[in-house]
Amino acid sequence: MQEKMVIDGVEYTVSSAPPYLSFHMTVLAETLKVKPQTVEEADRNMETVKKCLETILAETVKPQPPPSHYAKLYNKVLELTNKELADVERFL
């Protein structure tokens, strides 16, 4: 499933996430739930979030976006992925 999305004048083609990205999506979601207790922990979590987003968006968004567009594009990836999963469940 794909949709076009325009952010700051840049048109992106956004796709739903293939199943093999579910691990990165899970790690991202779990990391975002953690309240870091130290700056070092915050830095580790930041790197994890950055790496997960870069991996997910590299597979689902064309052309590659700048970091300032990551949040909106990731939300669109989630929307499309959830819609595709709901469509599959209707046929089961």
PDB file of N, CA and C in Angstrom:
ATOM      1  N   MET A   1       0.848  -1.165   0.000  1.00  0.00           N
ATOM      2  CA  MET A   1       0.000   0.000   0.000  1.00  0.00           C
ATOM      3  C   MET A   1       0.901   1.237   0.000  1.00  0.00           C
ATOM      4  N   GLN A   2       0.601   2.189  -0.855  1.00  0.00           N
ATOM      5  CA  GLN A   2       1.396   3.408  -0.975  1.00  0.00           C
ATOM      6  C   GLN A   2       0.493   4.625  -1.064  1.00  0.00           C
ATOM      7  N   GLU A   3       1.018   5.744  -0.604  1.00  0.00           N
ATOM      8  CA  GLU A   3       0.351   7.034  -0.751  1.00  0.00           C
ATOM      9  C   GLU A   3       1.403   8.105  -0.977  1.00  0.00           C
ATOM     10  N   LYS A   4       0.990   9.170  -1.624  1.00  0.00           N
ATOM     11  CA  LYS A   4       1.839  10.348  -1.791  1.00  0.00           C
ATOM     12  C   LYS A   4       1.595  11.273  -0.605  1.00  0.00           C
ATOM     13  N   MET A   5       2.647  11.979  -0.213  1.00  0.00           N
ATOM     14  CA  MET A   5       2.543  12.927   0.892  1.00  0.00           C
ATOM     15  C   MET A   5       3.500  14.074   0.598  1.00  0.00           C
ATOM     16  N   VAL A   6       3.054  15.303   0.804  1.00  0.00           N
ATOM     17  CA  VAL A   6       3.893  16.469   0.561  1.00  0.00           C
ATOM     18  C   VAL A   6       4.190  17.151   1.893  1.00  0.00           C
ATOM     19  N   ILE A   7       5.483  17.383   2.145  1.00  0.00           N
ATOM     20  CA  ILE A   7       5.922  18.105   3.336  1.00  0.00           C
ATOM     21  C   ILE A   7       6.902  19.176   2.875  1.00  0.00           C
ATOM     22  N   ASP A   8       6.611  20.406   3.217  1.00  0.00           N
ATOM     23  CA  ASP A   8       7.484  21.539   2.853  1.00  0.00           C
ATOM     24  C   ASP A   8       7.844  21.536   1.371  1.00  0.00           C
ATOM     25  N   GLY A   9       6.866  21.217   0.535  1.00  0.00           N
ATOM     26  CA  GLY A   9       7.070  21.249  -0.902  1.00  0.00           C
ATOM     27  C   GLY A   9       7.734  20.020  -1.492  1.00  0.00           C
ATOM     28  N   VAL A  10       8.083  19.048  -0.673  1.00  0.00           N
ATOM     29  CA  VAL A  10       8.710  17.816  -1.158  1.00  0.00           C
ATOM     30  C   VAL A  10       7.657  16.718  -1.206  1.00  0.00           C
ATOM     31  N   GLU A  11       7.493  16.093  -2.381  1.00  0.00           N
ATOM     32  CA  GLU A  11       6.536  15.003  -2.513  1.00  0.00           C
ATOM     33  C   GLU A  11       7.239  13.668  -2.229  1.00  0.00           C
ATOM     34  N   TYR A  12       6.669  12.928  -1.289  1.00  0.00           N
ATOM     35  CA  TYR A  12       7.195  11.620  -0.914  1.00  0.00           C
ATOM     36  C   TYR A  12       6.207  10.537  -1.319  1.00  0.00           C
ATOM     37  N   THR A  13       6.735   9.385  -1.664  1.00  0.00           N
ATOM     38  CA  THR A  13       5.926   8.181  -1.808  1.00  0.00           C
ATOM     39  C   THR A  13       6.176   7.369  -0.549  1.00  0.00           C
ATOM     40  N   VAL A  14       5.104   7.136   0.193  1.00  0.00           N
ATOM     41  CA  VAL A  14       5.205   6.440   1.478  1.00  0.00           C
ATOM     42  C   VAL A  14       4.498   5.098   1.353  1.00  0.00           C
ATOM     43  N   SER A  15       5.188   4.046   1.797  1.00  0.00           N
ATOM     44  CA  SER A  15       4.647   2.683   1.720  1.00  0.00           C
ATOM     45  C   SER A  15       4.418   2.131   3.112  1.00  0.00           C
ATOM     46  N   SER A  16       3.533   1.159   3.193  1.00  0.00           N
ATOM     47  CA  SER A  16       3.376   0.441   4.452  1.00  0.00           C
ATOM     48  C   SER A  16       4.655  -0.345   4.716  1.00  0.00           C
ATOM     49  N   ALA A  17       4.867  -0.671   5.973  1.00  0.00           N
ATOM     50  CA  ALA A  17       6.094  -1.383   6.358  1.00  0.00           C
ATOM     51  C   ALA A  17       5.962  -2.872   6.074  1.00  0.00           C
ATOM     52  N   PRO A  18       6.975  -3.454   5.444  1.00  0.00           N
ATOM     53  CA  PRO A  18       6.956  -4.902   5.254  1.00  0.00           C
ATOM     54  C   PRO A  18       7.166  -5.597   6.606  1.00  0.00           C
ATOM     55  N   PRO A  19       6.732  -6.842   6.720  1.00  0.00           N
ATOM     56  CA  PRO A  19       6.803  -7.547   8.011  1.00  0.00           C
ATOM     57  C   PRO A  19       8.186  -7.585   8.640  1.00  0.00           C
ATOM     58  N   TYR A  20       9.237  -7.652   7.838  1.00  0.00           N
ATOM     59  CA  TYR A  20      10.575  -7.754   8.428  1.00  0.00           C
ATOM     60  C   TYR A  20      10.996  -6.493   9.185  1.00  0.00           C
ATOM     61  N   LEU A  21      10.282  -5.382   9.002  1.00  0.00           N
ATOM     62  CA  LEU A  21      10.591  -4.172   9.761  1.00  0.00           C
ATOM     63  C   LEU A  21       9.891  -4.138  11.117  1.00  0.00           C
ATOM     64  N   SER A  22       9.055  -5.123  11.399  1.00  0.00           N
ATOM     65  CA  SER A  22       8.315  -5.120  12.663  1.00  0.00           C
ATOM     66  C   SER A  22       9.244  -5.116  13.869  1.00  0.00           C
ATOM     67  N   PHE A  23      10.423  -5.725  13.740  1.00  0.00           N
ATOM     68  CA  PHE A  23      11.362  -5.740  14.861  1.00  0.00           C
ATOM     69  C   PHE A  23      11.874  -4.334  15.171  1.00  0.00           C
ATOM     70  N   HIS A  24      12.229  -3.599  14.129  1.00  0.00           N
ATOM     71  CA  HIS A  24      12.675  -2.212  14.332  1.00  0.00           C
ATOM     72  C   HIS A  24      11.534  -1.350  14.875  1.00  0.00           C
ATOM     73  N   MET A  25      10.332  -1.583  14.398  1.00  0.00           N
ATOM     74  CA  MET A  25       9.187  -0.806  14.875  1.00  0.00           C
ATOM     75  C   MET A  25       8.902  -1.096  16.340  1.00  0.00           C
ATOM     76  N   THR A  26       9.074  -2.339  16.752  1.00  0.00           N
ATOM     77  CA  THR A  26       8.868  -2.712  18.151  1.00  0.00           C
ATOM     78  C   THR A  26       9.933  -2.076  19.039  1.00  0.00           C
ATOM     79  N   VAL A  27      11.189  -2.163  18.615  1.00  0.00           N
ATOM     80  CA  VAL A  27      12.279  -1.555  19.390  1.00  0.00           C
ATOM     81  C   VAL A  27      12.054  -0.049  19.511  1.00  0.00           C
ATOM     82  N   LEU A  28      11.649   0.585  18.436  1.00  0.00           N
ATOM     83  CA  LEU A  28      11.383   2.026  18.458  1.00  0.00           C
ATOM     84  C   LEU A  28      10.292   2.353  19.472  1.00  0.00           C
ATOM     85  N   ALA A  29       9.181   1.646  19.401  1.00  0.00           N
ATOM     86  CA  ALA A  29       8.057   1.908  20.309  1.00  0.00           C
ATOM     87  C   ALA A  29       8.463   1.700  21.769  1.00  0.00           C
ATOM     88  N   GLU A  30       9.184   0.629  22.038  1.00  0.00           N
ATOM     89  CA  GLU A  30       9.603   0.344  23.411  1.00  0.00           C
ATOM     90  C   GLU A  30      10.611   1.373  23.913  1.00  0.00           C
ATOM     91  N   THR A  31      11.507   1.811  23.062  1.00  0.00           N
ATOM     92  CA  THR A  31      12.508   2.808  23.464  1.00  0.00           C
ATOM     93  C   THR A  31      11.842   4.138  23.778  1.00  0.00           C
ATOM     94  N   LEU A  32      10.831   4.492  23.007  1.00  0.00           N
ATOM     95  CA  LEU A  32      10.142   5.764  23.241  1.00  0.00           C
ATOM     96  C   LEU A  32       9.362   5.768  24.556  1.00  0.00           C
ATOM     97  N   LYS A  33       9.052   4.600  25.086  1.00  0.00           N
ATOM     98  CA  LYS A  33       8.327   4.506  26.364  1.00  0.00           C
ATOM     99  C   LYS A  33       9.246   4.712  27.568  1.00  0.00           C
ATOM    100  N   VAL A  34      10.550   4.530  27.373  1.00  0.00           N
ATOM    101  CA  VAL A  34      11.509   4.569  28.475  1.00  0.00           C
ATOM    102  C   VAL A  34      11.799   6.007  28.888  1.00  0.00           C
ATOM    103  N   LYS A  35      11.738   6.246  30.205  1.00  0.00           N
ATOM    104  CA  LYS A  35      12.130   7.548  30.739  1.00  0.00           C
ATOM    105  C   LYS A  35      13.573   7.421  31.216  1.00  0.00           C
ATOM    106  N   PRO A  36      14.516   8.006  30.468  1.00  0.00           N
ATOM    107  CA  PRO A  36      15.927   7.853  30.847  1.00  0.00           C
ATOM    108  C   PRO A  36      16.208   8.504  32.199  1.00  0.00           C
ATOM    109  N   GLN A  37      17.105   7.881  32.935  1.00  0.00           N
ATOM    110  CA  GLN A  37      17.473   8.382  34.253  1.00  0.00           C
ATOM    111  C   GLN A  37      18.785   9.179  34.232  1.00  0.00           C
ATOM    112  N   THR A  38      19.557   9.018  33.158  1.00  0.00           N
ATOM    113  CA  THR A  38      20.835   9.721  33.055  1.00  0.00           C
ATOM    114  C   THR A  38      20.995  10.260  31.639  1.00  0.00           C
ATOM    115  N   VAL A  39      21.916  11.175  31.481  1.00  0.00           N
ATOM    116  CA  VAL A  39      22.222  11.713  30.153  1.00  0.00           C
ATOM    117  C   VAL A  39      22.770  10.607  29.266  1.00  0.00           C
ATOM    118  N   GLU A  40      23.573   9.735  29.837  1.00  0.00           N
ATOM    119  CA  GLU A  40      24.142   8.631  29.059  1.00  0.00           C
ATOM    120  C   GLU A  40      23.042   7.714  28.529  1.00  0.00           C
ATOM    121  N   GLU A  41      22.065   7.427  29.371  1.00  0.00           N
ATOM    122  CA  GLU A  41      20.949   6.589  28.944  1.00  0.00           C
ATOM    123  C   GLU A  41      20.129   7.305  27.865  1.00  0.00           C
ATOM    124  N   ALA A  42      19.935   8.600  28.041  1.00  0.00           N
ATOM    125  CA  ALA A  42      19.210   9.390  27.034  1.00  0.00           C
ATOM    126  C   ALA A  42      19.951   9.360  25.699  1.00  0.00           C
ATOM    127  N   ASP A  43      21.283   9.460  25.751  1.00  0.00           N
ATOM    128  CA  ASP A  43      22.080   9.410  24.520  1.00  0.00           C
ATOM    129  C   ASP A  43      21.960   8.058  23.833  1.00  0.00           C
ATOM    130  N   ARG A  44      21.988   6.979  24.607  1.00  0.00           N
ATOM    131  CA  ARG A  44      21.829   5.629  24.027  1.00  0.00           C
ATOM    132  C   ARG A  44      20.446   5.487  23.387  1.00  0.00           C
ATOM    133  N   ASN A  45      19.431   5.956  24.097  1.00  0.00           N
ATOM    134  CA  ASN A  45      18.071   5.868  23.559  1.00  0.00           C
ATOM    135  C   ASN A  45      17.921   6.705  22.295  1.00  0.00           C
ATOM    136  N   MET A  46      18.542   7.868  22.290  1.00  0.00           N
ATOM    137  CA  MET A  46      18.483   8.733  21.109  1.00  0.00           C
ATOM    138  C   MET A  46      19.088   8.032  19.893  1.00  0.00           C
ATOM    139  N   GLU A  47      20.217   7.382  20.085  1.00  0.00           N
ATOM    140  CA  GLU A  47      20.853   6.661  18.988  1.00  0.00           C
ATOM    141  C   GLU A  47      19.992   5.499  18.505  1.00  0.00           C
ATOM    142  N   THR A  48      19.346   4.811  19.432  1.00  0.00           N
ATOM    143  CA  THR A  48      18.464   3.704  19.063  1.00  0.00           C
ATOM    144  C   THR A  48      17.281   4.211  18.243  1.00  0.00           C
ATOM    145  N   VAL A  49      16.661   5.287  18.710  1.00  0.00           N
ATOM    146  CA  VAL A  49      15.522   5.866  17.994  1.00  0.00           C
ATOM    147  C   VAL A  49      15.952   6.327  16.612  1.00  0.00           C
ATOM    148  N   LYS A  50      17.074   7.005  16.545  1.00  0.00           N
ATOM    149  CA  LYS A  50      17.577   7.504  15.254  1.00  0.00           C
ATOM    150  C   LYS A  50      17.830   6.352  14.290  1.00  0.00           C
ATOM    151  N   LYS A  51      18.510   5.304  14.750  1.00  0.00           N
ATOM    152  CA  LYS A  51      18.820   4.171  13.879  1.00  0.00           C
ATOM    153  C   LYS A  51      17.547   3.466  13.416  1.00  0.00           C
ATOM    154  N   CYS A  52      16.600   3.265  14.324  1.00  0.00           N
ATOM    155  CA  CYS A  52      15.343   2.605  13.939  1.00  0.00           C
ATOM    156  C   CYS A  52      14.583   3.428  12.903  1.00  0.00           C
ATOM    157  N   LEU A  53      14.460   4.732  13.143  1.00  0.00           N
ATOM    158  CA  LEU A  53      13.748   5.582  12.180  1.00  0.00           C
ATOM    159  C   LEU A  53      14.434   5.588  10.822  1.00  0.00           C
ATOM    160  N   GLU A  54      15.751   5.701  10.821  1.00  0.00           N
ATOM    161  CA  GLU A  54      16.479   5.712   9.548  1.00  0.00           C
ATOM    162  C   GLU A  54      16.273   4.399   8.790  1.00  0.00           C
ATOM    163  N   THR A  55      16.306   3.278   9.494  1.00  0.00           N
ATOM    164  CA  THR A  55      16.119   1.971   8.858  1.00  0.00           C
ATOM    165  C   THR A  55      14.708   1.830   8.303  1.00  0.00           C
ATOM    166  N   ILE A  56      13.721   2.184   9.098  1.00  0.00           N
ATOM    167  CA  ILE A  56      12.317   2.055   8.678  1.00  0.00           C
ATOM    168  C   ILE A  56      12.025   2.975   7.491  1.00  0.00           C
ATOM    169  N   LEU A  57      12.431   4.226   7.593  1.00  0.00           N
ATOM    170  CA  LEU A  57      12.119   5.186   6.532  1.00  0.00           C
ATOM    171  C   LEU A  57      12.901   4.908   5.257  1.00  0.00           C
ATOM    172  N   ALA A  58      14.096   4.342   5.372  1.00  0.00           N
ATOM    173  CA  ALA A  58      14.866   3.991   4.171  1.00  0.00           C
ATOM    174  C   ALA A  58      14.136   2.937   3.347  1.00  0.00           C
ATOM    175  N   GLU A  59      13.354   2.101   3.998  1.00  0.00           N
ATOM    176  CA  GLU A  59      12.618   1.030   3.316  1.00  0.00           C
ATOM    177  C   GLU A  59      11.221   1.452   2.861  1.00  0.00           C
ATOM    178  N   THR A  60      10.702   2.544   3.410  1.00  0.00           N
ATOM    179  CA  THR A  60       9.288   2.865   3.175  1.00  0.00           C
ATOM    180  C   THR A  60       9.036   4.230   2.546  1.00  0.00           C
ATOM    181  N   VAL A  61      10.060   5.070   2.419  1.00  0.00           N
ATOM    182  CA  VAL A  61       9.858   6.440   1.929  1.00  0.00           C
ATOM    183  C   VAL A  61      10.856   6.756   0.819  1.00  0.00           C
ATOM    184  N   LYS A  62      10.333   7.306  -0.255  1.00  0.00           N
ATOM    185  CA  LYS A  62      11.170   7.765  -1.377  1.00  0.00           C
ATOM    186  C   LYS A  62      10.727   9.160  -1.745  1.00  0.00           C
ATOM    187  N   PRO A  63      11.603  10.118  -1.979  1.00  0.00           N
ATOM    188  CA  PRO A  63      13.036  10.101  -1.733  1.00  0.00           C
ATOM    189  C   PRO A  63      13.313  10.120  -0.232  1.00  0.00           C
ATOM    190  N   GLN A  64      14.570   9.923   0.125  1.00  0.00           N
ATOM    191  CA  GLN A  64      14.943   9.914   1.529  1.00  0.00           C
ATOM    192  C   GLN A  64      14.745  11.306   2.131  1.00  0.00           C
ATOM    193  N   PRO A  65      14.106  11.367   3.299  1.00  0.00           N
ATOM    194  CA  PRO A  65      13.782  12.656   3.913  1.00  0.00           C
ATOM    195  C   PRO A  65      14.874  13.175   4.849  1.00  0.00           C
ATOM    196  N   PRO A  66      14.831  14.474   5.121  1.00  0.00           N
ATOM    197  CA  PRO A  66      15.681  15.011   6.179  1.00  0.00           C
ATOM    198  C   PRO A  66      15.058  14.667   7.539  1.00  0.00           C
ATOM    199  N   PRO A  67      15.843  14.691   8.600  1.00  0.00           N
ATOM    200  CA  PRO A  67      15.315  14.362   9.929  1.00  0.00           C
ATOM    201  C   PRO A  67      14.100  15.196  10.345  1.00  0.00           C
ATOM    202  N   SER A  68      13.996  16.418   9.863  1.00  0.00           N
ATOM    203  CA  SER A  68      12.858  17.268  10.239  1.00  0.00           C
ATOM    204  C   SER A  68      11.524  16.720   9.736  1.00  0.00           C
ATOM    205  N   HIS A  69      11.543  15.776   8.790  1.00  0.00           N
ATOM    206  CA  HIS A  69      10.317  15.192   8.245  1.00  0.00           C
ATOM    207  C   HIS A  69      10.022  13.805   8.815  1.00  0.00           C
ATOM    208  N   TYR A  70      10.933  13.275   9.621  1.00  0.00           N
ATOM    209  CA  TYR A  70      10.803  11.901  10.113  1.00  0.00           C
ATOM    210  C   TYR A  70       9.481  11.632  10.831  1.00  0.00           C
ATOM    211  N   ALA A  71       9.088  12.503  11.748  1.00  0.00           N
ATOM    212  CA  ALA A  71       7.897  12.226  12.576  1.00  0.00           C
ATOM    213  C   ALA A  71       6.636  12.103  11.719  1.00  0.00           C
ATOM    214  N   LYS A  72       6.420  13.057  10.832  1.00  0.00           N
ATOM    215  CA  LYS A  72       5.222  13.013   9.984  1.00  0.00           C
ATOM    216  C   LYS A  72       5.235  11.794   9.075  1.00  0.00           C
ATOM    217  N   LEU A  73       6.393  11.482   8.526  1.00  0.00           N
ATOM    218  CA  LEU A  73       6.475  10.337   7.613  1.00  0.00           C
ATOM    219  C   LEU A  73       6.312   9.017   8.365  1.00  0.00           C
ATOM    220  N   TYR A  74       6.901   8.913   9.544  1.00  0.00           N
ATOM    221  CA  TYR A  74       6.743   7.678  10.319  1.00  0.00           C
ATOM    222  C   TYR A  74       5.275   7.482  10.703  1.00  0.00           C
ATOM    223  N   ASN A  75       4.592   8.554  11.063  1.00  0.00           N
ATOM    224  CA  ASN A  75       3.161   8.432  11.379  1.00  0.00           C
ATOM    225  C   ASN A  75       2.369   7.944  10.168  1.00  0.00           C
ATOM    226  N   LYS A  76       2.742   8.391   8.979  1.00  0.00           N
ATOM    227  CA  LYS A  76       2.061   7.921   7.760  1.00  0.00           C
ATOM    228  C   LYS A  76       2.371   6.452   7.514  1.00  0.00           C
ATOM    229  N   VAL A  77       3.624   6.039   7.735  1.00  0.00           N
ATOM    230  CA  VAL A  77       3.977   4.621   7.597  1.00  0.00           C
ATOM    231  C   VAL A  77       3.124   3.788   8.549  1.00  0.00           C
ATOM    232  N   LEU A  78       2.991   4.225   9.793  1.00  0.00           N
ATOM    233  CA  LEU A  78       2.159   3.497  10.765  1.00  0.00           C
ATOM    234  C   LEU A  78       0.706   3.427  10.303  1.00  0.00           C
ATOM    235  N   GLU A  79       0.185   4.537   9.826  1.00  0.00           N
ATOM    236  CA  GLU A  79      -1.199   4.579   9.345  1.00  0.00           C
ATOM    237  C   GLU A  79      -1.411   3.577   8.211  1.00  0.00           C
ATOM    238  N   LEU A  80      -0.525   3.586   7.234  1.00  0.00           N
ATOM    239  CA  LEU A  80      -0.658   2.677   6.097  1.00  0.00           C
ATOM    240  C   LEU A  80      -0.477   1.222   6.512  1.00  0.00           C
ATOM    241  N   THR A  81       0.463   0.966   7.399  1.00  0.00           N
ATOM    242  CA  THR A  81       0.710  -0.401   7.867  1.00  0.00           C
ATOM    243  C   THR A  81      -0.493  -0.922   8.641  1.00  0.00           C
ATOM    244  N   ASN A  82      -1.039  -0.099   9.523  1.00  0.00           N
ATOM    245  CA  ASN A  82      -2.218  -0.513  10.298  1.00  0.00           C
ATOM    246  C   ASN A  82      -3.421  -0.756   9.392  1.00  0.00           C
ATOM    247  N   LYS A  83      -3.581   0.088   8.385  1.00  0.00           N
ATOM    248  CA  LYS A  83      -4.690  -0.097   7.441  1.00  0.00           C
ATOM    249  C   LYS A  83      -4.517  -1.402   6.666  1.00  0.00           C
ATOM    250  N   GLU A  84      -3.306  -1.681   6.240  1.00  0.00           N
ATOM    251  CA  GLU A  84      -3.051  -2.913   5.496  1.00  0.00           C
ATOM    252  C   GLU A  84      -3.300  -4.142   6.379  1.00  0.00           C
ATOM    253  N   LEU A  85      -2.882  -4.083   7.630  1.00  0.00           N
ATOM    254  CA  LEU A  85      -3.123  -5.192   8.556  1.00  0.00           C
ATOM    255  C   LEU A  85      -4.617  -5.396   8.792  1.00  0.00           C
ATOM    256  N   ALA A  86      -5.362  -4.295   8.914  1.00  0.00           N
ATOM    257  CA  ALA A  86      -6.804  -4.404   9.098  1.00  0.00           C
ATOM    258  C   ALA A  86      -7.465  -5.045   7.882  1.00  0.00           C
ATOM    259  N   ASP A  87      -6.995  -4.687   6.694  1.00  0.00           N
ATOM    260  CA  ASP A  87      -7.531  -5.280   5.468  1.00  0.00           C
ATOM    261  C   ASP A  87      -7.268  -6.778   5.421  1.00  0.00           C
ATOM    262  N   VAL A  88      -6.085  -7.187   5.844  1.00  0.00           N
ATOM    263  CA  VAL A  88      -5.731  -8.613   5.868  1.00  0.00           C
ATOM    264  C   VAL A  88      -6.603  -9.366   6.852  1.00  0.00           C
ATOM    265  N   GLU A  89      -6.807  -8.782   8.023  1.00  0.00           N
ATOM    266  CA  GLU A  89      -7.611  -9.437   9.054  1.00  0.00           C
ATOM    267  C   GLU A  89      -9.049  -9.672   8.604  1.00  0.00           C
ATOM    268  N   ARG A  90      -9.576  -8.818   7.759  1.00  0.00           N
ATOM    269  CA  ARG A  90     -10.947  -8.992   7.264  1.00  0.00           C
ATOM    270  C   ARG A  90     -11.102 -10.246   6.410  1.00  0.00           C
ATOM    271  N   PHE A  91      -9.981 -10.674   5.804  1.00  0.00           N
ATOM    272  CA  PHE A  91     -10.032 -11.842   4.930  1.00  0.00           C
ATOM    273  C   PHE A  91      -9.709 -13.127   5.662  1.00  0.00           C
ATOM    274  N   LEU A  92      -9.307 -13.048   6.920  1.00  0.00           N
ATOM    275  CA  LEU A  92      -8.973 -14.259   7.676  1.00  0.00           C
ATOM    276  C   LEU A  92     -10.190 -14.893   8.286  1.00  0.00           C
TER     277      LEU A  92
END
